[in-house]
Amino acid sequence: MISKEFFSALNDLDAQGRISKEKFLEFLEAGIASAYKKENGEARNISIQLNPEKDQIDVIAYQLVVEEVQDPGKEISLEDAQKIKASYKVGDIISEKIPTKEAFSRISALTAKLVVAQKMNDFKKASLNEEMNQKEGEIVTCQIKFIQNGNIYAEIVGTQIQCVMTPNEQINSEVYKVGDRIKAFVKRLPDPNGNNVNQCIGISRLNNGFIRRLFELNVPEIKAGLVEIKRIVRVPGVRTKVVVASKDPSIDPIGACIGAKNARIIEILKEINCIKRPPIQGVNGQRPVSFDEGIDVIPYTEDPIKAIANALTPASVIQVQADPETKKAIVIIQDRNLAKAVGKQGSNAKLASKLTGYKIDIKELKDAESLLGND
């Protein structure tokens, strides 16, 4: 039976592309109608009714009853319609079931299959574009597929969305391997004027949006708008400073971000250090958790003196002398605190300067007695 052969020919186009059965059947009907009209020279509008359970295809041709015919293939005059049935009136649809025993050849089946494939491809493109748009600004889990010329090519887990992390979006201290699952921030979508299916979205583990989104996901008060992230500065893989403020006087913004027993900040630290995560001791071991990249959560203040002192956390600051006009500051710290104040690779001092906009000169107490005496 030709209909059975037809369903067999189209069988491999079934809902493998994450498409609903209803949408797939809609595409099948459109494809069959197109193939039938092309092969049989049918000018009338065609409606297709499919019955996959019985391997049966019903072809219905129909015309609109009109006063004056403009399109003879799709319209029929009221006079001619009433010759078929006297009760027909303008606006009625005259339908005719066409025998399909010899209607569908192997060529028409192939034509329909190509039409369906094209419609499904267009549908996938539209769905993929919509799904991509929903990912922008989010953190996604990706599996690395291959690495080429320093670019990390991956696929977002649970989707068919391809993504790429270029070298300037990677953290130098991290080592990536094919098969690894990593979390990253969706920074860039493909050019909307390009062929999005063959383009990759841009992801990053270096972008500040990655840190911001991690805080939003782990700190309910930030997600609810009760605590606000005012600024983020970062030396990726080394240190990050996050300035936060509370919109509710009853909420401690630092405590909210850190969490009970440091639980929230540890979850964030685990994620930004997940590529080279050190062993974490169990509860009974009571050993401090160590990470390559640390995070300082700093309270927001409009007072430049306090802002500079806060920015140099974790160093113990004794005094800050700042000149708002020259944007220069001298900071006096406790003896033996210089390493903390400067930080690994100078990161702490650099980030404090970037955070406050001041050029900071750090001095230990033993070297700054004359400054204190003149104060």
Protein backbone atom coordinates (compact mmCIF):
# COMPACT_ATOMS: atom_id res chain seq x y z
CA MET A 1 0.00 0.00 0.00
CA ILE A 2 1.52 3.32 -1.08
CA SER A 3 0.53 5.11 2.13
CA LYS A 4 2.44 2.52 4.16
CA GLU A 5 5.53 3.08 2.05
CA PHE A 6 5.09 6.81 2.50
CA PHE A 7 4.94 6.60 6.31
CA SER A 8 7.97 4.33 6.25
CA ALA A 9 9.90 6.87 4.16
CA LEU A 10 9.08 9.61 6.67
CA ASN A 11 9.62 7.52 9.78
CA ASP A 12 13.16 8.81 10.42
CA LEU A 13 11.82 12.37 10.65
CA ASP A 14 9.87 11.58 13.82
CA ALA A 15 10.24 13.72 16.89
CA GLN A 16 14.00 13.28 17.31
CA GLY A 17 14.56 17.04 17.21
CA ARG A 18 12.84 17.83 20.52
CA ILE A 19 9.63 18.67 18.69
CA SER A 20 6.10 17.89 19.84
CA LYS A 21 4.07 15.21 18.09
CA GLU A 22 1.45 17.82 17.13
CA LYS A 23 4.01 20.11 15.54
CA PHE A 24 5.63 17.18 13.72
CA LEU A 25 2.28 16.07 12.27
CA GLU A 26 1.62 19.66 11.21
CA PHE A 27 4.86 19.64 9.23
CA LEU A 28 4.03 16.24 7.74
CA GLU A 29 0.66 17.46 6.52
CA ALA A 30 2.22 20.56 4.95
CA GLY A 31 4.86 18.43 3.25
CA ILE A 32 2.35 15.94 1.89
CA ALA A 33 0.08 18.69 0.58
CA SER A 34 2.98 20.35 -1.20
CA ALA A 35 4.14 17.05 -2.76
CA TYR A 36 0.65 16.03 -3.85
CA LYS A 37 -0.13 19.35 -5.50
CA LYS A 38 3.21 19.36 -7.31
CA GLU A 39 2.87 15.80 -8.64
CA ASN A 40 -0.80 15.91 -9.56
CA GLY A 41 -1.05 19.48 -10.81
CA GLU A 42 -3.80 20.15 -8.30
CA ALA A 43 -4.73 23.85 -8.19
CA ARG A 44 -7.28 23.59 -5.41
CA ASN A 45 -6.37 24.05 -1.78
CA ILE A 46 -5.39 20.76 -0.23
CA SER A 47 -5.99 19.53 3.29
CA ILE A 48 -4.27 16.39 4.51
CA GLN A 49 -5.55 14.14 7.27
CA LEU A 50 -3.07 11.61 8.61
CA ASN A 51 -3.80 8.38 10.42
CA PRO A 52 -0.41 6.86 11.26
CA GLU A 53 -1.99 3.98 13.19
CA LYS A 54 -3.67 2.74 9.99
CA ASP A 55 -0.96 3.95 7.61
CA GLN A 56 -3.71 5.98 5.96
CA ILE A 57 -3.60 9.38 4.26
CA ASP A 58 -6.77 11.24 3.29
CA VAL A 59 -6.44 14.04 0.75
CA ILE A 60 -9.20 16.64 0.80
CA ALA A 61 -9.43 19.26 -1.97
CA TYR A 62 -11.60 22.29 -1.31
CA GLN A 63 -12.80 25.50 -2.95
CA LEU A 64 -14.42 28.64 -1.61
CA VAL A 65 -17.83 29.64 -2.94
CA VAL A 66 -17.74 33.24 -4.24
CA GLU A 67 -19.90 35.59 -6.30
CA GLU A 68 -17.13 36.31 -8.81
CA VAL A 69 -14.21 33.94 -9.31
CA GLN A 70 -10.76 35.53 -9.13
CA ASP A 71 -8.75 32.33 -8.66
CA PRO A 72 -10.35 29.41 -10.56
CA GLY A 73 -8.23 26.86 -8.73
CA LYS A 74 -9.19 27.92 -5.24
CA GLU A 75 -12.63 29.43 -5.86
CA ILE A 76 -15.91 28.35 -7.41
CA SER A 77 -18.80 30.54 -8.48
CA LEU A 78 -22.08 30.40 -6.57
CA GLU A 79 -23.83 29.33 -9.79
CA ASP A 80 -21.51 26.34 -10.33
CA ALA A 81 -21.60 25.45 -6.64
CA GLN A 82 -25.40 25.31 -6.61
CA LYS A 83 -25.26 22.89 -9.55
CA ILE A 84 -23.51 20.53 -7.15
CA LYS A 85 -25.80 21.30 -4.24
CA ALA A 86 -28.62 23.84 -4.27
CA SER A 87 -28.14 24.88 -0.65
CA TYR A 88 -24.59 26.21 -1.14
CA LYS A 89 -24.17 29.96 -0.53
CA VAL A 90 -21.32 32.47 -0.77
CA GLY A 91 -18.63 31.76 1.85
CA ASP A 92 -19.25 28.02 1.99
CA ILE A 93 -16.41 25.56 1.46
CA ILE A 94 -16.89 22.75 -1.06
CA SER A 95 -14.66 19.80 -0.23
CA GLU A 96 -13.90 16.60 -2.11
CA LYS A 97 -12.07 13.54 -0.87
CA ILE A 98 -9.55 12.47 -3.49
CA PRO A 99 -8.68 8.77 -3.86
CA THR A 100 -5.05 8.27 -2.90
CA LYS A 101 -4.44 4.70 -4.06
CA GLU A 102 -2.23 5.86 -6.90
CA ALA A 103 -1.65 9.40 -5.70
CA PHE A 104 1.70 9.06 -3.95
CA SER A 105 4.71 7.80 -5.85
CA ARG A 106 8.17 7.33 -4.36
CA ILE A 107 9.10 10.68 -5.87
CA SER A 108 6.28 12.49 -4.10
CA ALA A 109 7.22 10.77 -0.85
CA LEU A 110 10.78 12.05 -1.23
CA THR A 111 9.54 15.55 -2.11
CA ALA A 112 7.33 15.60 0.98
CA LYS A 113 10.19 14.34 3.09
CA LEU A 114 12.41 17.21 1.90
CA VAL A 115 9.65 19.75 2.60
CA VAL A 116 9.17 18.36 6.11
CA ALA A 117 12.91 18.34 6.75
CA GLN A 118 13.16 22.01 5.76
CA LYS A 119 10.23 23.00 7.97
CA MET A 120 11.70 21.10 10.89
CA ASN A 121 15.07 22.75 10.33
CA ASP A 122 13.42 26.19 10.33
CA PHE A 123 11.53 25.28 13.49
CA LYS A 124 14.74 24.13 15.19
CA LYS A 125 16.47 27.37 14.23
CA ALA A 126 13.66 29.45 15.71
CA SER A 127 13.53 27.31 18.87
CA LEU A 128 17.30 27.44 19.26
CA ASN A 129 17.34 31.21 18.82
CA GLU A 130 14.65 31.58 21.48
CA GLU A 131 16.50 29.25 23.84
CA MET A 132 19.75 31.14 23.27
CA ASN A 133 18.08 34.44 24.11
CA GLN A 134 16.90 32.98 27.40
CA LYS A 135 20.48 31.98 28.30
CA GLU A 136 22.07 35.41 27.97
CA GLY A 137 23.34 36.68 31.31
CA GLU A 138 22.85 33.27 32.94
CA ILE A 139 25.26 30.66 34.29
CA VAL A 140 25.13 27.41 32.34
CA THR A 141 26.70 23.99 32.76
CA CYS A 142 28.67 22.96 29.69
CA GLN A 143 30.52 19.84 28.62
CA ILE A 144 33.75 20.40 26.75
CA LYS A 145 33.65 18.74 23.32
CA PHE A 146 37.02 19.76 21.89
CA ILE A 147 39.79 22.34 22.21
CA GLN A 148 41.25 24.08 19.18
CA ASN A 149 43.69 26.99 18.92
CA GLY A 150 43.15 27.71 22.60
CA ASN A 151 39.37 27.97 22.19
CA ILE A 152 37.20 25.74 24.38
CA TYR A 153 34.25 24.37 22.38
CA ALA A 154 31.44 22.96 24.49
CA GLU A 155 27.75 22.11 24.52
CA ILE A 156 25.29 23.32 27.13
CA VAL A 157 24.17 20.22 29.02
CA GLY A 158 20.61 19.17 28.21
CA THR A 159 20.49 21.23 25.01
CA GLN A 160 21.96 21.24 21.53
CA ILE A 161 23.37 24.73 22.02
CA GLN A 162 27.02 25.05 21.09
CA CYS A 163 29.24 27.50 22.94
CA VAL A 164 32.83 28.70 22.86
CA MET A 165 35.15 30.13 25.50
CA THR A 166 37.95 32.08 23.86
CA PRO A 167 41.38 32.38 25.55
CA ASN A 168 40.62 35.91 26.78
CA GLU A 169 37.58 34.56 28.68
CA GLN A 170 39.52 31.77 30.40
CA ILE A 171 41.36 31.88 33.72
CA ASN A 172 45.08 31.31 33.21
CA SER A 173 45.47 29.05 36.23
CA GLU A 174 42.71 26.69 35.12
CA VAL A 175 43.35 23.55 33.09
CA TYR A 176 40.53 22.39 30.82
CA LYS A 177 40.12 18.88 29.42
CA VAL A 178 37.78 17.33 26.86
CA GLY A 179 34.81 15.75 28.65
CA ASP A 180 34.97 18.12 31.64
CA ARG A 181 31.78 19.75 32.83
CA ILE A 182 32.20 23.39 33.74
CA LYS A 183 29.96 26.26 34.68
CA ALA A 184 30.30 29.51 32.80
CA PHE A 185 28.58 32.84 32.23
CA VAL A 186 26.77 33.43 28.91
CA LYS A 187 28.35 36.68 27.78
CA ARG A 188 27.58 36.93 24.08
CA LEU A 189 24.93 35.67 21.70
CA PRO A 190 25.63 35.01 18.01
CA ASP A 191 25.09 37.75 15.46
CA PRO A 192 21.30 37.82 14.85
CA ASN A 193 21.98 38.45 11.16
CA GLY A 194 24.08 35.30 10.89
CA ASN A 195 23.15 31.62 10.74
CA ASN A 196 22.70 31.08 14.49
CA VAL A 197 22.51 27.29 14.24
CA ASN A 198 26.11 27.21 13.01
CA GLN A 199 27.32 29.84 15.44
CA CYS A 200 28.34 29.45 19.06
CA ILE A 201 27.33 31.59 22.01
CA GLY A 202 30.20 33.14 23.92
CA ILE A 203 30.79 31.95 27.49
CA SER A 204 33.19 33.17 30.15
CA ARG A 205 34.61 32.19 33.52
CA LEU A 206 36.50 35.47 33.71
CA ASN A 207 33.70 38.02 33.29
CA ASN A 208 32.47 39.85 36.40
CA GLY A 209 28.94 38.80 35.43
CA PHE A 210 29.96 35.26 36.44
CA ILE A 211 30.64 36.43 40.01
CA ARG A 212 27.53 38.60 40.18
CA ARG A 213 25.29 35.76 39.02
CA LEU A 214 26.83 33.33 41.53
CA PHE A 215 26.01 35.73 44.35
CA GLU A 216 22.44 36.14 43.04
CA LEU A 217 22.02 32.36 42.93
CA ASN A 218 23.46 31.73 46.41
CA VAL A 219 22.27 34.77 48.37
CA PRO A 220 18.45 35.01 48.51
CA GLU A 221 18.63 38.57 49.85
CA ILE A 222 20.39 39.69 46.66
CA LYS A 223 17.91 37.89 44.43
CA ALA A 224 15.06 39.51 46.39
CA GLY A 225 16.60 42.98 45.99
CA LEU A 226 17.17 43.46 49.73
CA VAL A 227 20.95 43.47 49.32
CA GLU A 228 22.59 45.18 46.36
CA ILE A 229 25.96 44.48 44.73
CA LYS A 230 27.45 47.93 44.18
CA ARG A 231 30.72 46.96 42.52
CA ILE A 232 32.87 43.98 41.60
CA VAL A 233 36.58 44.05 40.84
CA ARG A 234 38.58 40.95 40.11
CA VAL A 235 41.95 39.48 39.28
CA PRO A 236 40.66 36.14 37.92
CA GLY A 237 42.16 33.12 39.59
CA VAL A 238 43.70 35.29 42.34
CA ARG A 239 41.26 37.57 44.16
CA THR A 240 37.83 39.19 43.88
CA LYS A 241 36.34 42.05 45.87
CA VAL A 242 32.58 42.56 46.02
CA VAL A 243 31.06 45.72 47.52
CA VAL A 244 27.55 45.25 48.90
CA ALA A 245 24.93 47.44 50.55
CA SER A 246 21.66 46.67 52.32
CA LYS A 247 18.40 48.32 51.36
CA ASP A 248 16.88 47.10 54.63
CA PRO A 249 18.48 48.42 57.87
CA SER A 250 17.65 45.16 59.62
CA ILE A 251 19.78 43.10 57.20
CA ASP A 252 23.55 42.83 57.51
CA PRO A 253 24.76 42.69 53.89
CA ILE A 254 28.07 41.05 54.79
CA GLY A 255 26.42 38.39 56.93
CA ALA A 256 23.86 37.69 54.22
CA CYS A 257 26.57 37.12 51.62
CA ILE A 258 28.82 35.06 53.87
CA GLY A 259 26.04 32.92 55.32
CA ALA A 260 25.89 30.88 58.52
CA LYS A 261 29.26 29.22 59.13
CA ASN A 262 30.47 30.76 55.84
CA ALA A 263 28.21 28.34 53.94
CA ARG A 264 27.13 30.71 51.17
CA ILE A 265 30.52 32.19 50.38
CA ILE A 266 32.09 28.71 50.41
CA GLU A 267 29.60 27.54 47.76
CA ILE A 268 30.56 30.52 45.60
CA LEU A 269 34.28 29.90 46.18
CA LYS A 270 33.87 26.23 45.29
CA GLU A 271 32.31 27.20 41.98
CA ILE A 272 34.89 29.76 40.88
CA ASN A 273 37.66 27.34 41.91
CA CYS A 274 36.00 24.19 40.56
CA ILE A 275 38.54 23.54 37.79
CA LYS A 276 41.40 23.19 40.27
CA ARG A 277 39.53 22.62 43.51
CA PRO A 278 41.65 21.61 46.51
CA PRO A 279 40.42 18.82 48.81
CA ILE A 280 37.85 20.01 51.31
CA GLN A 281 38.09 18.50 54.77
CA GLY A 282 34.96 16.95 56.26
CA VAL A 283 33.04 18.48 59.17
CA ASN A 284 34.95 16.45 61.75
CA GLY A 285 38.33 17.50 60.38
CA GLN A 286 37.68 21.19 61.11
CA ARG A 287 40.46 22.23 58.71
CA PRO A 288 40.05 25.60 56.98
CA VAL A 289 39.00 25.51 53.35
CA SER A 290 41.64 26.83 50.96
CA PHE A 291 41.02 28.20 47.47
CA ASP A 292 43.25 29.61 44.75
CA GLU A 293 40.94 32.60 44.22
CA GLY A 294 39.58 34.31 47.30
CA ILE A 295 36.64 36.69 47.70
CA ASP A 296 36.43 39.72 49.97
CA VAL A 297 32.90 40.94 50.68
CA ILE A 298 33.10 44.63 51.59
CA PRO A 299 30.45 46.97 53.04
CA TYR A 300 29.55 49.96 50.90
CA THR A 301 30.27 53.45 52.23
CA GLU A 302 30.40 56.92 50.67
CA ASP A 303 33.18 57.95 53.06
CA PRO A 304 36.45 57.66 51.04
CA ILE A 305 38.53 57.07 54.17
CA LYS A 306 36.40 54.12 55.27
CA ALA A 307 36.12 52.90 51.69
CA ILE A 308 39.90 52.73 51.30
CA ALA A 309 40.31 50.95 54.66
CA ASN A 310 37.59 48.45 53.76
CA ALA A 311 39.04 47.87 50.31
CA LEU A 312 42.36 46.69 51.75
CA THR A 313 40.71 43.81 53.60
CA PRO A 314 42.09 41.48 55.00
CA ALA A 315 44.92 43.81 56.12
CA SER A 316 44.49 45.61 59.46
CA VAL A 317 44.43 49.34 58.68
CA ILE A 318 45.46 51.83 61.39
CA GLN A 319 45.02 55.08 59.52
CA VAL A 320 44.15 56.46 56.09
CA GLN A 321 45.22 59.87 54.82
CA ALA A 322 43.48 60.70 51.55
CA ASP A 323 43.51 63.71 49.24
CA PRO A 324 40.25 63.86 47.22
CA GLU A 325 41.77 66.34 44.75
CA THR A 326 44.85 64.32 43.77
CA LYS A 327 43.13 60.98 44.41
CA LYS A 328 46.16 59.83 46.38
CA ALA A 329 46.10 58.09 49.74
CA ILE A 330 48.61 56.96 52.32
CA VAL A 331 47.52 53.93 54.32
CA ILE A 332 49.24 52.89 57.53
CA ILE A 333 48.87 49.25 58.47
CA GLN A 334 49.94 47.04 61.35
CA ASP A 335 53.51 45.76 61.23
CA ARG A 336 53.90 42.43 59.45
CA ASN A 337 50.66 43.10 57.55
CA LEU A 338 52.38 44.25 54.38
CA ALA A 339 51.99 40.89 52.62
CA LYS A 340 48.27 40.87 53.36
CA ALA A 341 47.83 44.47 52.25
CA VAL A 342 49.70 43.99 48.98
CA GLY A 343 48.35 40.51 48.30
CA LYS A 344 49.40 37.75 45.93
CA GLN A 345 50.94 39.26 42.81
CA GLY A 346 50.03 42.67 44.24
CA SER A 347 46.36 41.84 43.69
CA ASN A 348 44.96 43.20 46.96
CA ALA A 349 46.51 46.65 46.58
CA LYS A 350 45.63 46.81 42.86
CA LEU A 351 42.02 45.87 43.48
CA ALA A 352 41.70 48.32 46.39
CA SER A 353 42.98 51.09 44.15
CA LYS A 354 40.63 50.09 41.34
CA LEU A 355 37.71 49.87 43.74
CA THR A 356 38.22 53.31 45.29
CA GLY A 357 39.81 55.25 42.44
CA TYR A 358 42.72 56.27 44.69
CA LYS A 359 46.43 55.63 44.18
CA ILE A 360 47.31 53.95 47.45
CA ASP A 361 50.72 54.10 49.16
CA ILE A 362 50.91 51.43 51.86
CA LYS A 363 53.23 51.85 54.84
CA GLU A 364 53.77 49.68 57.90
CA LEU A 365 53.44 51.30 61.32
CA LYS A 366 57.18 51.16 62.07
CA ASP A 367 57.90 53.12 58.89
CA ALA A 368 55.16 55.73 59.36
CA GLU A 369 55.71 57.11 62.85
CA SER A 370 56.59 60.55 61.49
CA LEU A 371 53.27 60.68 59.58
CA LEU A 372 51.36 59.79 62.71
CA GLY A 373 53.24 62.37 64.72
CA ASN A 374 52.28 65.09 62.28
CA ASP A 375 48.61 64.16 62.28
